[in-house]
Amino acid sequence: MKLKLWLTLSLLCASMSGLSAEQVSVAEHVSNAELNSSNIKSSAQAGSDTPFDQMQLRKEAQQKIQQFASTLKSALVGAIQSGGLAHAVDVCHSTAPQIAEDLSTEGWHVARTSLKARNEQNQPDSWEVEMLQTFDQQFKSGIEAKALNAELYKQAKFRYMQAIPTDQVCLACHGVSIDAALSEAINKQYPKDRATGFTLEDIRGAFTVSKALND
């Protein structure tokens, strides 16, 4: 039971499963998004030398994601133990944005996004929409979520995204059938919530981080 609660907490605001601190997959992006692999390469990166350490930037981005995941999980563990899932929704509403802000240091910006966002402040931009659609297509084709990441080097900025899958424990808050009391708590904090109706075959969203390269 405790394990189930822990998993529910860690996935309540963003599914953390499948994410490895040692994951260093090289992401590739092509402008037409017709991909033949799970990785995405920046067109700005191809065929030219870059004046920065790409692997170091990728490592730092992954560390930011790990820190976000672990800090949020710790906050939600306390919330559910003291007041259940509905209380965890309240804590997530106030704590998750603060964690992202606290991690947005040294030129980094840390956030989460989704094609069906719960927090209206987490709406994706055009590149994020393209990558989220690609992640979902590739996930449905059988590629593991942990292999779905993307990076972009454009206009003096490094960007990195890591897919968030929908696991069984995510369905309590993001699935088709949500408990009435929990749904009320969600709607109270997120009146424009769109993050429901997911199934195990869907990508829930993504972590998205960026850093200005001219700092």
N, C-alpha and C. Protein backbone atom coordinates (compact mmCIF):
# COMPACT_ATOMS: atom_id res chain seq x y z
N MET A 1 0.83 -1.20 0.00
CA MET A 1 0.00 0.00 0.00
C MET A 1 0.86 1.25 0.00
N LYS A 2 1.91 1.25 0.84
CA LYS A 2 2.81 2.41 0.89
C LYS A 2 3.50 2.63 -0.44
N LEU A 3 3.87 1.51 -1.10
CA LEU A 3 4.53 1.64 -2.39
C LEU A 3 3.59 2.26 -3.40
N LYS A 4 2.32 1.83 -3.37
CA LYS A 4 1.34 2.38 -4.30
C LYS A 4 1.15 3.87 -4.07
N LEU A 5 1.07 4.29 -2.79
CA LEU A 5 0.93 5.70 -2.48
C LEU A 5 2.13 6.50 -2.95
N TRP A 6 3.32 5.93 -2.76
CA TRP A 6 4.54 6.62 -3.19
C TRP A 6 4.53 6.82 -4.69
N LEU A 7 4.12 5.79 -5.43
CA LEU A 7 4.08 5.90 -6.88
C LEU A 7 3.03 6.91 -7.32
N THR A 8 1.90 6.91 -6.63
CA THR A 8 0.85 7.87 -6.98
C THR A 8 1.34 9.28 -6.80
N LEU A 9 2.07 9.51 -5.71
CA LEU A 9 2.59 10.85 -5.43
C LEU A 9 3.59 11.27 -6.48
N SER A 10 4.49 10.38 -6.78
CA SER A 10 5.56 10.75 -7.71
C SER A 10 5.03 11.02 -9.09
N LEU A 11 3.80 10.53 -9.39
CA LEU A 11 3.24 10.71 -10.72
C LEU A 11 2.04 11.64 -10.72
N LEU A 12 1.67 12.18 -9.58
CA LEU A 12 0.46 12.98 -9.48
C LEU A 12 0.52 14.19 -10.39
N CYS A 13 1.62 14.94 -10.34
CA CYS A 13 1.75 16.12 -11.19
C CYS A 13 2.54 15.82 -12.46
N ALA A 14 3.45 14.84 -12.39
CA ALA A 14 4.21 14.46 -13.58
C ALA A 14 4.79 13.09 -13.34
N SER A 15 4.55 12.18 -14.24
CA SER A 15 5.05 10.83 -14.06
C SER A 15 6.56 10.83 -14.13
N MET A 16 7.19 10.27 -13.09
CA MET A 16 8.64 10.31 -13.00
C MET A 16 9.27 8.98 -13.42
N SER A 17 8.46 8.02 -13.76
CA SER A 17 9.02 6.70 -14.05
C SER A 17 9.82 6.70 -15.34
N GLY A 18 10.84 5.84 -15.39
CA GLY A 18 11.63 5.67 -16.59
C GLY A 18 12.72 6.69 -16.77
N LEU A 19 12.86 7.63 -15.85
CA LEU A 19 13.84 8.68 -15.99
C LEU A 19 15.12 8.29 -15.27
N SER A 20 16.26 8.31 -15.95
CA SER A 20 17.53 7.91 -15.37
C SER A 20 18.51 9.06 -15.38
N ALA A 21 19.18 9.27 -14.25
CA ALA A 21 20.17 10.35 -14.18
C ALA A 21 21.33 10.08 -15.09
N GLU A 22 21.55 8.82 -15.46
CA GLU A 22 22.66 8.47 -16.31
C GLU A 22 22.28 8.40 -17.78
N GLN A 23 21.00 8.70 -18.04
CA GLN A 23 20.54 8.67 -19.42
C GLN A 23 21.18 9.81 -20.19
N VAL A 24 21.92 9.49 -21.23
CA VAL A 24 22.59 10.51 -22.02
C VAL A 24 22.30 10.24 -23.49
N SER A 25 21.02 10.03 -23.84
CA SER A 25 20.70 9.76 -25.23
C SER A 25 20.79 11.05 -26.01
N VAL A 26 21.38 10.97 -27.22
CA VAL A 26 21.54 12.15 -28.06
C VAL A 26 20.25 12.39 -28.81
N ALA A 27 19.57 13.49 -28.53
CA ALA A 27 18.28 13.76 -29.15
C ALA A 27 18.46 14.41 -30.51
N GLU A 28 17.53 14.11 -31.41
CA GLU A 28 17.61 14.64 -32.76
C GLU A 28 16.28 15.25 -33.17
N HIS A 29 16.37 16.38 -33.89
CA HIS A 29 15.16 17.06 -34.35
C HIS A 29 15.26 17.35 -35.83
N VAL A 30 14.25 16.98 -36.62
CA VAL A 30 14.16 17.36 -38.02
C VAL A 30 12.91 18.19 -38.18
N SER A 31 12.98 19.17 -39.08
CA SER A 31 11.92 20.16 -39.14
C SER A 31 10.58 19.58 -39.55
N ASN A 32 10.54 18.49 -40.33
CA ASN A 32 9.26 17.96 -40.77
C ASN A 32 8.67 16.95 -39.81
N ALA A 33 9.39 16.61 -38.75
CA ALA A 33 8.92 15.71 -37.68
C ALA A 33 8.56 14.32 -38.19
N GLU A 34 9.02 13.93 -39.40
CA GLU A 34 8.82 12.57 -39.88
C GLU A 34 10.05 11.79 -39.51
N LEU A 35 10.01 11.12 -38.36
CA LEU A 35 11.19 10.54 -37.74
C LEU A 35 11.22 9.04 -37.92
N ASN A 36 12.44 8.52 -38.02
CA ASN A 36 12.64 7.09 -38.13
C ASN A 36 13.32 6.51 -36.91
N SER A 37 13.55 7.34 -35.88
CA SER A 37 14.15 6.85 -34.64
C SER A 37 13.50 7.57 -33.49
N SER A 38 13.87 7.17 -32.26
CA SER A 38 13.25 7.76 -31.08
C SER A 38 13.91 9.06 -30.67
N ASN A 39 14.99 9.44 -31.31
CA ASN A 39 15.71 10.65 -30.92
C ASN A 39 15.47 11.76 -31.91
N ILE A 40 15.68 12.98 -31.48
CA ILE A 40 15.37 14.17 -32.26
C ILE A 40 16.57 15.09 -32.29
N LYS A 41 16.97 15.53 -33.47
CA LYS A 41 18.18 16.34 -33.62
C LYS A 41 17.84 17.73 -34.11
N SER A 42 18.51 18.72 -33.54
CA SER A 42 18.29 20.11 -33.93
C SER A 42 18.88 20.38 -35.30
N SER A 43 18.10 21.00 -36.19
CA SER A 43 18.61 21.37 -37.50
C SER A 43 19.68 22.43 -37.38
N ALA A 44 19.63 23.21 -36.30
CA ALA A 44 20.65 24.23 -36.08
C ALA A 44 21.98 23.60 -35.70
N GLN A 45 21.93 22.37 -35.17
CA GLN A 45 23.13 21.70 -34.73
C GLN A 45 23.86 21.01 -35.88
N ALA A 46 23.09 20.54 -36.87
CA ALA A 46 23.66 19.69 -37.90
C ALA A 46 24.67 20.44 -38.76
N GLY A 47 25.80 19.80 -39.00
CA GLY A 47 26.77 20.29 -39.95
C GLY A 47 27.58 21.48 -39.50
N SER A 48 27.59 21.81 -38.23
CA SER A 48 28.37 22.95 -37.79
C SER A 48 28.90 22.72 -36.39
N ASP A 49 30.05 23.32 -36.09
CA ASP A 49 30.61 23.23 -34.76
C ASP A 49 29.91 24.23 -33.85
N THR A 50 29.68 23.87 -32.62
CA THR A 50 29.04 24.77 -31.68
C THR A 50 30.03 25.20 -30.61
N PRO A 51 29.95 26.44 -30.13
CA PRO A 51 30.93 26.97 -29.18
C PRO A 51 30.61 26.62 -27.74
N PHE A 52 29.88 25.52 -27.50
CA PHE A 52 29.55 25.14 -26.14
C PHE A 52 29.56 23.62 -26.05
N ASP A 53 29.62 23.14 -24.84
CA ASP A 53 29.71 21.71 -24.57
C ASP A 53 28.31 21.10 -24.55
N GLN A 54 27.93 20.43 -25.63
CA GLN A 54 26.58 19.90 -25.76
C GLN A 54 26.31 18.82 -24.71
N MET A 55 27.26 17.95 -24.48
CA MET A 55 27.05 16.88 -23.51
C MET A 55 26.90 17.43 -22.10
N GLN A 56 27.65 18.48 -21.78
CA GLN A 56 27.54 19.09 -20.46
C GLN A 56 26.17 19.74 -20.28
N LEU A 57 25.70 20.44 -21.32
CA LEU A 57 24.38 21.05 -21.26
C LEU A 57 23.30 19.98 -21.09
N ARG A 58 23.44 18.90 -21.83
CA ARG A 58 22.47 17.80 -21.72
C ARG A 58 22.47 17.22 -20.31
N LYS A 59 23.66 17.03 -19.76
CA LYS A 59 23.78 16.49 -18.41
C LYS A 59 23.13 17.42 -17.39
N GLU A 60 23.39 18.71 -17.52
CA GLU A 60 22.80 19.67 -16.59
C GLU A 60 21.28 19.70 -16.71
N ALA A 61 20.78 19.59 -17.94
CA ALA A 61 19.33 19.57 -18.15
C ALA A 61 18.71 18.36 -17.47
N GLN A 62 19.33 17.21 -17.61
CA GLN A 62 18.83 15.99 -16.99
C GLN A 62 18.89 16.08 -15.46
N GLN A 63 19.91 16.74 -14.95
CA GLN A 63 20.01 16.93 -13.50
C GLN A 63 18.90 17.83 -12.99
N LYS A 64 18.58 18.87 -13.75
CA LYS A 64 17.48 19.75 -13.36
C LYS A 64 16.17 18.97 -13.28
N ILE A 65 15.95 18.10 -14.25
CA ILE A 65 14.74 17.29 -14.26
C ILE A 65 14.71 16.35 -13.07
N GLN A 66 15.84 15.73 -12.77
CA GLN A 66 15.92 14.85 -11.61
C GLN A 66 15.62 15.59 -10.31
N GLN A 67 16.18 16.79 -10.19
CA GLN A 67 15.95 17.59 -8.98
C GLN A 67 14.48 17.97 -8.85
N PHE A 68 13.88 18.36 -9.96
CA PHE A 68 12.46 18.70 -9.96
C PHE A 68 11.64 17.50 -9.48
N ALA A 69 11.92 16.34 -10.06
CA ALA A 69 11.15 15.14 -9.74
C ALA A 69 11.28 14.77 -8.27
N SER A 70 12.49 14.74 -7.77
CA SER A 70 12.71 14.28 -6.40
C SER A 70 12.16 15.28 -5.37
N THR A 71 12.31 16.57 -5.63
CA THR A 71 11.82 17.59 -4.70
C THR A 71 10.30 17.59 -4.64
N LEU A 72 9.66 17.49 -5.80
CA LEU A 72 8.21 17.46 -5.84
C LEU A 72 7.68 16.20 -5.16
N LYS A 73 8.33 15.07 -5.41
CA LYS A 73 7.90 13.81 -4.79
C LYS A 73 7.94 13.93 -3.27
N SER A 74 8.99 14.51 -2.73
CA SER A 74 9.12 14.64 -1.29
C SER A 74 7.99 15.48 -0.72
N ALA A 75 7.64 16.58 -1.40
CA ALA A 75 6.55 17.44 -0.93
C ALA A 75 5.22 16.71 -0.97
N LEU A 76 4.99 15.92 -2.00
CA LEU A 76 3.72 15.23 -2.15
C LEU A 76 3.58 14.05 -1.19
N VAL A 77 4.69 13.43 -0.83
CA VAL A 77 4.64 12.34 0.15
C VAL A 77 4.05 12.85 1.45
N GLY A 78 4.55 13.99 1.91
CA GLY A 78 4.03 14.57 3.14
C GLY A 78 2.58 14.97 3.01
N ALA A 79 2.20 15.48 1.83
CA ALA A 79 0.83 15.93 1.62
C ALA A 79 -0.16 14.78 1.67
N ILE A 80 0.14 13.69 0.99
CA ILE A 80 -0.81 12.59 0.97
C ILE A 80 -0.89 11.88 2.32
N GLN A 81 0.21 11.86 3.04
CA GLN A 81 0.20 11.23 4.36
C GLN A 81 -0.64 12.03 5.35
N SER A 82 -0.67 13.34 5.15
CA SER A 82 -1.42 14.18 6.09
C SER A 82 -2.85 14.44 5.67
N GLY A 83 -3.14 14.37 4.35
CA GLY A 83 -4.49 14.72 3.92
C GLY A 83 -5.03 14.02 2.71
N GLY A 84 -4.32 13.00 2.20
CA GLY A 84 -4.81 12.24 1.06
C GLY A 84 -4.54 12.91 -0.28
N LEU A 85 -5.06 12.31 -1.34
CA LEU A 85 -4.79 12.78 -2.70
C LEU A 85 -5.32 14.20 -2.95
N ALA A 86 -6.49 14.50 -2.39
CA ALA A 86 -7.06 15.83 -2.60
C ALA A 86 -6.13 16.90 -2.02
N HIS A 87 -5.55 16.62 -0.86
CA HIS A 87 -4.60 17.57 -0.26
C HIS A 87 -3.33 17.65 -1.10
N ALA A 88 -2.93 16.54 -1.68
CA ALA A 88 -1.75 16.54 -2.54
C ALA A 88 -1.96 17.42 -3.76
N VAL A 89 -3.18 17.48 -4.28
CA VAL A 89 -3.50 18.37 -5.40
C VAL A 89 -3.27 19.82 -4.99
N ASP A 90 -3.71 20.17 -3.78
CA ASP A 90 -3.51 21.54 -3.29
C ASP A 90 -2.03 21.87 -3.16
N VAL A 91 -1.27 20.92 -2.61
CA VAL A 91 0.16 21.13 -2.43
C VAL A 91 0.86 21.23 -3.78
N CYS A 92 0.46 20.37 -4.70
CA CYS A 92 1.06 20.41 -6.03
C CYS A 92 0.82 21.76 -6.69
N HIS A 93 -0.39 22.29 -6.52
CA HIS A 93 -0.73 23.57 -7.13
C HIS A 93 0.18 24.70 -6.65
N SER A 94 0.52 24.68 -5.37
CA SER A 94 1.34 25.75 -4.82
C SER A 94 2.83 25.45 -4.87
N THR A 95 3.19 24.18 -4.76
CA THR A 95 4.60 23.80 -4.63
C THR A 95 5.31 23.59 -5.95
N ALA A 96 4.66 22.94 -6.90
CA ALA A 96 5.32 22.62 -8.17
C ALA A 96 5.86 23.86 -8.89
N PRO A 97 5.08 24.94 -9.01
CA PRO A 97 5.62 26.14 -9.67
C PRO A 97 6.81 26.73 -8.90
N GLN A 98 6.76 26.65 -7.57
CA GLN A 98 7.86 27.19 -6.77
C GLN A 98 9.13 26.38 -6.96
N ILE A 99 8.99 25.06 -7.05
CA ILE A 99 10.16 24.20 -7.29
C ILE A 99 10.79 24.54 -8.64
N ALA A 100 9.95 24.69 -9.65
CA ALA A 100 10.45 25.04 -10.97
C ALA A 100 11.18 26.38 -10.95
N GLU A 101 10.61 27.34 -10.22
CA GLU A 101 11.25 28.66 -10.11
C GLU A 101 12.59 28.58 -9.38
N ASP A 102 12.62 27.78 -8.30
CA ASP A 102 13.86 27.64 -7.53
C ASP A 102 14.98 26.99 -8.35
N LEU A 103 14.62 26.10 -9.27
CA LEU A 103 15.61 25.43 -10.11
C LEU A 103 16.01 26.25 -11.33
N SER A 104 15.27 27.31 -11.59
CA SER A 104 15.55 28.15 -12.75
C SER A 104 16.64 29.16 -12.40
N THR A 105 17.85 28.67 -12.25
CA THR A 105 19.01 29.48 -11.89
C THR A 105 20.11 29.34 -12.92
N GLU A 106 21.09 30.23 -12.87
CA GLU A 106 22.27 30.19 -13.74
C GLU A 106 21.88 30.11 -15.21
N GLY A 107 20.84 30.85 -15.57
CA GLY A 107 20.42 30.91 -16.97
C GLY A 107 19.44 29.84 -17.38
N TRP A 108 19.14 28.88 -16.50
CA TRP A 108 18.21 27.80 -16.83
C TRP A 108 16.77 28.21 -16.56
N HIS A 109 15.86 27.71 -17.38
CA HIS A 109 14.42 27.81 -17.14
C HIS A 109 13.86 26.40 -17.11
N VAL A 110 13.16 26.05 -16.03
CA VAL A 110 12.68 24.69 -15.80
C VAL A 110 11.15 24.69 -15.73
N ALA A 111 10.52 23.76 -16.45
CA ALA A 111 9.05 23.70 -16.45
C ALA A 111 8.58 22.32 -16.90
N ARG A 112 7.27 22.17 -16.92
CA ARG A 112 6.63 21.00 -17.52
C ARG A 112 5.58 21.49 -18.51
N THR A 113 5.21 20.65 -19.46
CA THR A 113 4.20 21.05 -20.42
C THR A 113 3.45 19.82 -20.91
N SER A 114 2.34 20.05 -21.59
CA SER A 114 1.52 18.95 -22.10
C SER A 114 0.60 19.48 -23.18
N LEU A 115 0.18 18.59 -24.09
CA LEU A 115 -0.82 18.97 -25.08
C LEU A 115 -2.17 19.19 -24.40
N LYS A 116 -2.36 18.56 -23.24
CA LYS A 116 -3.56 18.78 -22.42
C LYS A 116 -3.09 19.15 -21.02
N ALA A 117 -2.79 20.42 -20.84
CA ALA A 117 -2.18 20.88 -19.59
C ALA A 117 -3.20 21.02 -18.48
N ARG A 118 -2.78 20.75 -17.27
CA ARG A 118 -3.61 20.98 -16.08
C ARG A 118 -3.50 22.44 -15.66
N ASN A 119 -2.28 22.94 -15.59
CA ASN A 119 -2.04 24.34 -15.25
C ASN A 119 -1.95 25.14 -16.55
N GLU A 120 -2.79 26.13 -16.70
CA GLU A 120 -2.81 26.90 -17.94
C GLU A 120 -1.50 27.64 -18.20
N GLN A 121 -0.66 27.78 -17.16
CA GLN A 121 0.64 28.42 -17.35
C GLN A 121 1.64 27.48 -18.04
N ASN A 122 1.27 26.21 -18.19
CA ASN A 122 2.19 25.23 -18.77
C ASN A 122 1.86 24.88 -20.22
N GLN A 123 1.18 25.78 -20.92
CA GLN A 123 0.85 25.53 -22.31
C GLN A 123 2.12 25.45 -23.16
N PRO A 124 2.20 24.51 -24.11
CA PRO A 124 3.40 24.37 -24.93
C PRO A 124 3.50 25.42 -26.03
N ASP A 125 4.74 25.75 -26.41
CA ASP A 125 4.93 26.60 -27.58
C ASP A 125 4.98 25.71 -28.82
N SER A 126 5.24 26.28 -29.97
CA SER A 126 5.15 25.53 -31.23
C SER A 126 6.13 24.36 -31.29
N TRP A 127 7.37 24.56 -30.84
CA TRP A 127 8.34 23.46 -30.85
C TRP A 127 7.92 22.36 -29.88
N GLU A 128 7.46 22.75 -28.72
CA GLU A 128 7.03 21.77 -27.73
C GLU A 128 5.82 20.97 -28.22
N VAL A 129 4.90 21.63 -28.91
CA VAL A 129 3.76 20.92 -29.50
C VAL A 129 4.25 19.87 -30.47
N GLU A 130 5.17 20.26 -31.34
CA GLU A 130 5.71 19.33 -32.34
C GLU A 130 6.37 18.13 -31.67
N MET A 131 7.17 18.40 -30.64
CA MET A 131 7.87 17.31 -29.96
C MET A 131 6.91 16.42 -29.17
N LEU A 132 5.92 17.02 -28.52
CA LEU A 132 4.94 16.23 -27.78
C LEU A 132 4.15 15.31 -28.71
N GLN A 133 3.79 15.82 -29.87
CA GLN A 133 3.09 14.99 -30.85
C GLN A 133 3.98 13.85 -31.33
N THR A 134 5.25 14.16 -31.56
CA THR A 134 6.20 13.15 -32.00
C THR A 134 6.42 12.09 -30.92
N PHE A 135 6.61 12.55 -29.67
CA PHE A 135 6.76 11.62 -28.55
C PHE A 135 5.57 10.65 -28.49
N ASP A 136 4.37 11.19 -28.61
CA ASP A 136 3.17 10.36 -28.48
C ASP A 136 3.09 9.35 -29.61
N GLN A 137 3.40 9.78 -30.82
CA GLN A 137 3.38 8.88 -31.98
C GLN A 137 4.40 7.75 -31.80
N GLN A 138 5.59 8.11 -31.36
CA GLN A 138 6.63 7.11 -31.20
C GLN A 138 6.35 6.17 -30.04
N PHE A 139 5.76 6.71 -28.96
CA PHE A 139 5.39 5.87 -27.83
C PHE A 139 4.35 4.84 -28.25
N LYS A 140 3.39 5.26 -29.04
CA LYS A 140 2.36 4.36 -29.54
C LYS A 140 2.92 3.32 -30.51
N SER A 141 4.07 3.63 -31.10
CA SER A 141 4.70 2.67 -32.02
C SER A 141 5.56 1.65 -31.28
N GLY A 142 5.69 1.83 -29.96
CA GLY A 142 6.41 0.84 -29.17
C GLY A 142 7.71 1.29 -28.55
N ILE A 143 8.10 2.54 -28.74
CA ILE A 143 9.35 3.05 -28.18
C ILE A 143 9.11 3.45 -26.72
N GLU A 144 10.02 3.06 -25.83
CA GLU A 144 9.87 3.36 -24.41
C GLU A 144 9.94 4.86 -24.15
N ALA A 145 9.18 5.31 -23.18
CA ALA A 145 9.12 6.75 -22.87
C ALA A 145 10.48 7.30 -22.47
N LYS A 146 11.28 6.49 -21.75
CA LYS A 146 12.57 6.98 -21.29
C LYS A 146 13.52 7.29 -22.45
N ALA A 147 13.24 6.73 -23.63
CA ALA A 147 14.08 7.00 -24.80
C ALA A 147 13.61 8.21 -25.58
N LEU A 148 12.48 8.78 -25.18
CA LEU A 148 11.91 9.89 -25.93
C LEU A 148 12.34 11.22 -25.34
N ASN A 149 13.35 11.81 -25.94
CA ASN A 149 13.81 13.13 -25.52
C ASN A 149 14.22 13.92 -26.75
N ALA A 150 14.31 15.21 -26.60
CA ALA A 150 14.63 16.08 -27.73
C ALA A 150 15.47 17.25 -27.25
N GLU A 151 16.34 17.72 -28.13
CA GLU A 151 17.09 18.93 -27.80
C GLU A 151 17.20 19.81 -29.03
N LEU A 152 17.30 21.08 -28.80
CA LEU A 152 17.31 22.07 -29.87
C LEU A 152 18.32 23.16 -29.55
N TYR A 153 19.11 23.53 -30.55
CA TYR A 153 20.05 24.65 -30.42
C TYR A 153 19.63 25.70 -31.44
N LYS A 154 19.08 26.78 -30.95
CA LYS A 154 18.57 27.79 -31.87
C LYS A 154 18.53 29.15 -31.19
N GLN A 155 18.93 30.17 -31.94
CA GLN A 155 18.89 31.55 -31.46
C GLN A 155 19.55 31.69 -30.08
N ALA A 156 20.77 31.16 -30.00
CA ALA A 156 21.59 31.25 -28.78
C ALA A 156 20.90 30.64 -27.57
N LYS A 157 20.13 29.60 -27.78
CA LYS A 157 19.45 28.92 -26.68
C LYS A 157 19.51 27.41 -26.85
N PHE A 158 19.78 26.70 -25.75
CA PHE A 158 19.73 25.25 -25.70
C PHE A 158 18.41 24.84 -25.05
N ARG A 159 17.70 23.90 -25.68
CA ARG A 159 16.43 23.42 -25.14
C ARG A 159 16.45 21.90 -25.07
N TYR A 160 15.80 21.37 -24.04
CA TYR A 160 15.77 19.92 -23.83
C TYR A 160 14.40 19.52 -23.30
N MET A 161 13.86 18.43 -23.86
CA MET A 161 12.59 17.89 -23.40
C MET A 161 12.71 16.40 -23.11
N GLN A 162 12.00 15.92 -22.09
CA GLN A 162 11.95 14.51 -21.74
C GLN A 162 10.49 14.11 -21.57
N ALA A 163 10.08 13.08 -22.29
CA ALA A 163 8.68 12.65 -22.26
C ALA A 163 8.27 12.11 -20.89
N ILE A 164 7.00 12.33 -20.55
CA ILE A 164 6.38 11.80 -19.34
C ILE A 164 5.28 10.84 -19.76
N PRO A 165 5.39 9.56 -19.44
CA PRO A 165 4.35 8.60 -19.83
C PRO A 165 3.15 8.66 -18.90
N THR A 166 2.10 7.98 -19.28
CA THR A 166 0.94 7.80 -18.40
C THR A 166 1.01 6.38 -17.85
N ASP A 167 1.29 6.24 -16.56
CA ASP A 167 1.32 4.94 -15.92
C ASP A 167 -0.02 4.67 -15.24
N GLN A 168 -0.18 3.45 -14.76
CA GLN A 168 -1.44 3.07 -14.13
C GLN A 168 -1.83 4.00 -12.99
N VAL A 169 -0.84 4.37 -12.17
CA VAL A 169 -1.14 5.23 -11.02
C VAL A 169 -1.50 6.65 -11.42
N CYS A 170 -1.16 7.05 -12.66
CA CYS A 170 -1.52 8.39 -13.12
C CYS A 170 -3.02 8.52 -13.36
N LEU A 171 -3.68 7.38 -13.62
CA LEU A 171 -5.07 7.43 -14.06
C LEU A 171 -6.02 7.92 -12.98
N ALA A 172 -5.63 7.84 -11.71
CA ALA A 172 -6.49 8.34 -10.63
C ALA A 172 -6.79 9.82 -10.81
N CYS A 173 -5.80 10.58 -11.30
CA CYS A 173 -5.97 12.03 -11.47
C CYS A 173 -6.06 12.47 -12.93
N HIS A 174 -5.60 11.60 -13.84
CA HIS A 174 -5.53 12.01 -15.25
C HIS A 174 -6.29 11.09 -16.19
N GLY A 175 -6.98 10.09 -15.65
CA GLY A 175 -7.64 9.11 -16.49
C GLY A 175 -9.04 9.52 -16.94
N VAL A 176 -9.78 8.53 -17.39
CA VAL A 176 -11.12 8.76 -17.90
C VAL A 176 -12.13 8.89 -16.75
N SER A 177 -11.96 8.09 -15.71
CA SER A 177 -12.88 8.08 -14.57
C SER A 177 -12.14 8.52 -13.31
N ILE A 178 -12.50 9.68 -12.79
CA ILE A 178 -11.83 10.25 -11.62
C ILE A 178 -12.83 10.37 -10.48
N ASP A 179 -12.40 9.99 -9.28
CA ASP A 179 -13.26 10.08 -8.09
C ASP A 179 -13.85 11.49 -7.96
N ALA A 180 -15.12 11.56 -7.60
CA ALA A 180 -15.83 12.84 -7.56
C ALA A 180 -15.18 13.85 -6.63
N ALA A 181 -14.77 13.41 -5.43
CA ALA A 181 -14.14 14.33 -4.47
C ALA A 181 -12.80 14.82 -5.00
N LEU A 182 -12.06 13.93 -5.61
CA LEU A 182 -10.76 14.31 -6.16
C LEU A 182 -10.95 15.25 -7.35
N SER A 183 -11.94 14.97 -8.17
CA SER A 183 -12.23 15.83 -9.31
C SER A 183 -12.60 17.24 -8.85
N GLU A 184 -13.34 17.33 -7.76
CA GLU A 184 -13.71 18.63 -7.20
C GLU A 184 -12.47 19.40 -6.74
N ALA A 185 -11.54 18.69 -6.11
CA ALA A 185 -10.30 19.33 -5.64
C ALA A 185 -9.47 19.82 -6.82
N ILE A 186 -9.42 19.01 -7.88
CA ILE A 186 -8.67 19.40 -9.07
C ILE A 186 -9.29 20.63 -9.72
N ASN A 187 -10.60 20.62 -9.88
CA ASN A 187 -11.28 21.74 -10.54
C ASN A 187 -11.19 23.03 -9.72
N LYS A 188 -11.10 22.89 -8.41
CA LYS A 188 -10.97 24.06 -7.56
C LYS A 188 -9.64 24.76 -7.81
N GLN A 189 -8.58 24.00 -7.92
CA GLN A 189 -7.24 24.57 -8.12
C GLN A 189 -6.95 24.85 -9.59
N TYR A 190 -7.56 24.07 -10.48
CA TYR A 190 -7.29 24.20 -11.91
C TYR A 190 -8.61 24.30 -12.68
N PRO A 191 -9.28 25.44 -12.64
CA PRO A 191 -10.59 25.58 -13.29
C PRO A 191 -10.56 25.38 -14.80
N LYS A 192 -9.39 25.51 -15.40
CA LYS A 192 -9.27 25.30 -16.85
C LYS A 192 -8.51 24.00 -17.16
N ASP A 193 -8.62 23.06 -16.25
CA ASP A 193 -7.93 21.77 -16.40
C ASP A 193 -8.35 21.05 -17.68
N ARG A 194 -7.34 20.55 -18.40
CA ARG A 194 -7.59 19.75 -19.60
C ARG A 194 -6.88 18.39 -19.51
N ALA A 195 -6.22 18.14 -18.37
CA ALA A 195 -5.34 16.97 -18.26
C ALA A 195 -6.07 15.72 -17.77
N THR A 196 -7.15 15.37 -18.45
CA THR A 196 -7.87 14.14 -18.13
C THR A 196 -8.14 13.38 -19.41
N GLY A 197 -8.64 12.15 -19.25
CA GLY A 197 -8.95 11.34 -20.42
C GLY A 197 -7.76 10.57 -20.97
N PHE A 198 -6.67 10.53 -20.22
CA PHE A 198 -5.49 9.81 -20.68
C PHE A 198 -5.65 8.31 -20.45
N THR A 199 -4.95 7.53 -21.27
CA THR A 199 -4.88 6.08 -21.11
C THR A 199 -3.41 5.68 -21.01
N LEU A 200 -3.17 4.41 -20.77
CA LEU A 200 -1.80 3.92 -20.66
C LEU A 200 -1.04 4.00 -21.97
N GLU A 201 -1.75 4.22 -23.06
CA GLU A 201 -1.11 4.31 -24.38
C GLU A 201 -0.68 5.73 -24.73
N ASP A 202 -0.89 6.68 -23.81
CA ASP A 202 -0.62 8.09 -24.10
C ASP A 202 0.63 8.61 -23.39
N ILE A 203 1.30 9.55 -24.03
CA ILE A 203 2.31 10.37 -23.37
C ILE A 203 1.57 11.49 -22.66
N ARG A 204 1.82 11.64 -21.36
CA ARG A 204 1.09 12.62 -20.54
C ARG A 204 1.57 14.04 -20.78
N GLY A 205 2.87 14.18 -21.03
CA GLY A 205 3.46 15.50 -21.21
C GLY A 205 4.97 15.38 -21.26
N ALA A 206 5.66 16.43 -20.83
CA ALA A 206 7.11 16.41 -20.86
C ALA A 206 7.69 17.44 -19.89
N PHE A 207 8.86 17.12 -19.39
CA PHE A 207 9.69 18.13 -18.73
C PHE A 207 10.32 18.96 -19.85
N THR A 208 10.42 20.25 -19.65
CA THR A 208 11.03 21.10 -20.67
C THR A 208 11.94 22.12 -19.99
N VAL A 209 13.21 22.12 -20.36
CA VAL A 209 14.18 23.03 -19.77
C VAL A 209 14.95 23.74 -20.87
N SER A 210 15.44 24.91 -20.57
CA SER A 210 16.18 25.67 -21.56
C SER A 210 17.23 26.55 -20.88
N LYS A 211 18.22 26.94 -21.67
CA LYS A 211 19.27 27.82 -21.14
C LYS A 211 19.77 28.73 -22.26
N ALA A 212 19.86 30.03 -21.95
CA ALA A 212 20.44 30.97 -22.88
C ALA A 212 21.94 30.73 -22.96
N LEU A 213 22.47 30.63 -24.18
CA LEU A 213 23.87 30.26 -24.36
C LEU A 213 24.82 31.46 -24.38
N ASN A 214 24.26 32.65 -24.35
CA ASN A 214 25.11 33.84 -24.39
C ASN A 214 25.28 34.46 -23.01
N ASP A 215 24.82 33.74 -21.94
CA ASP A 215 24.98 34.26 -20.58
C ASP A 215 26.42 34.16 -20.13
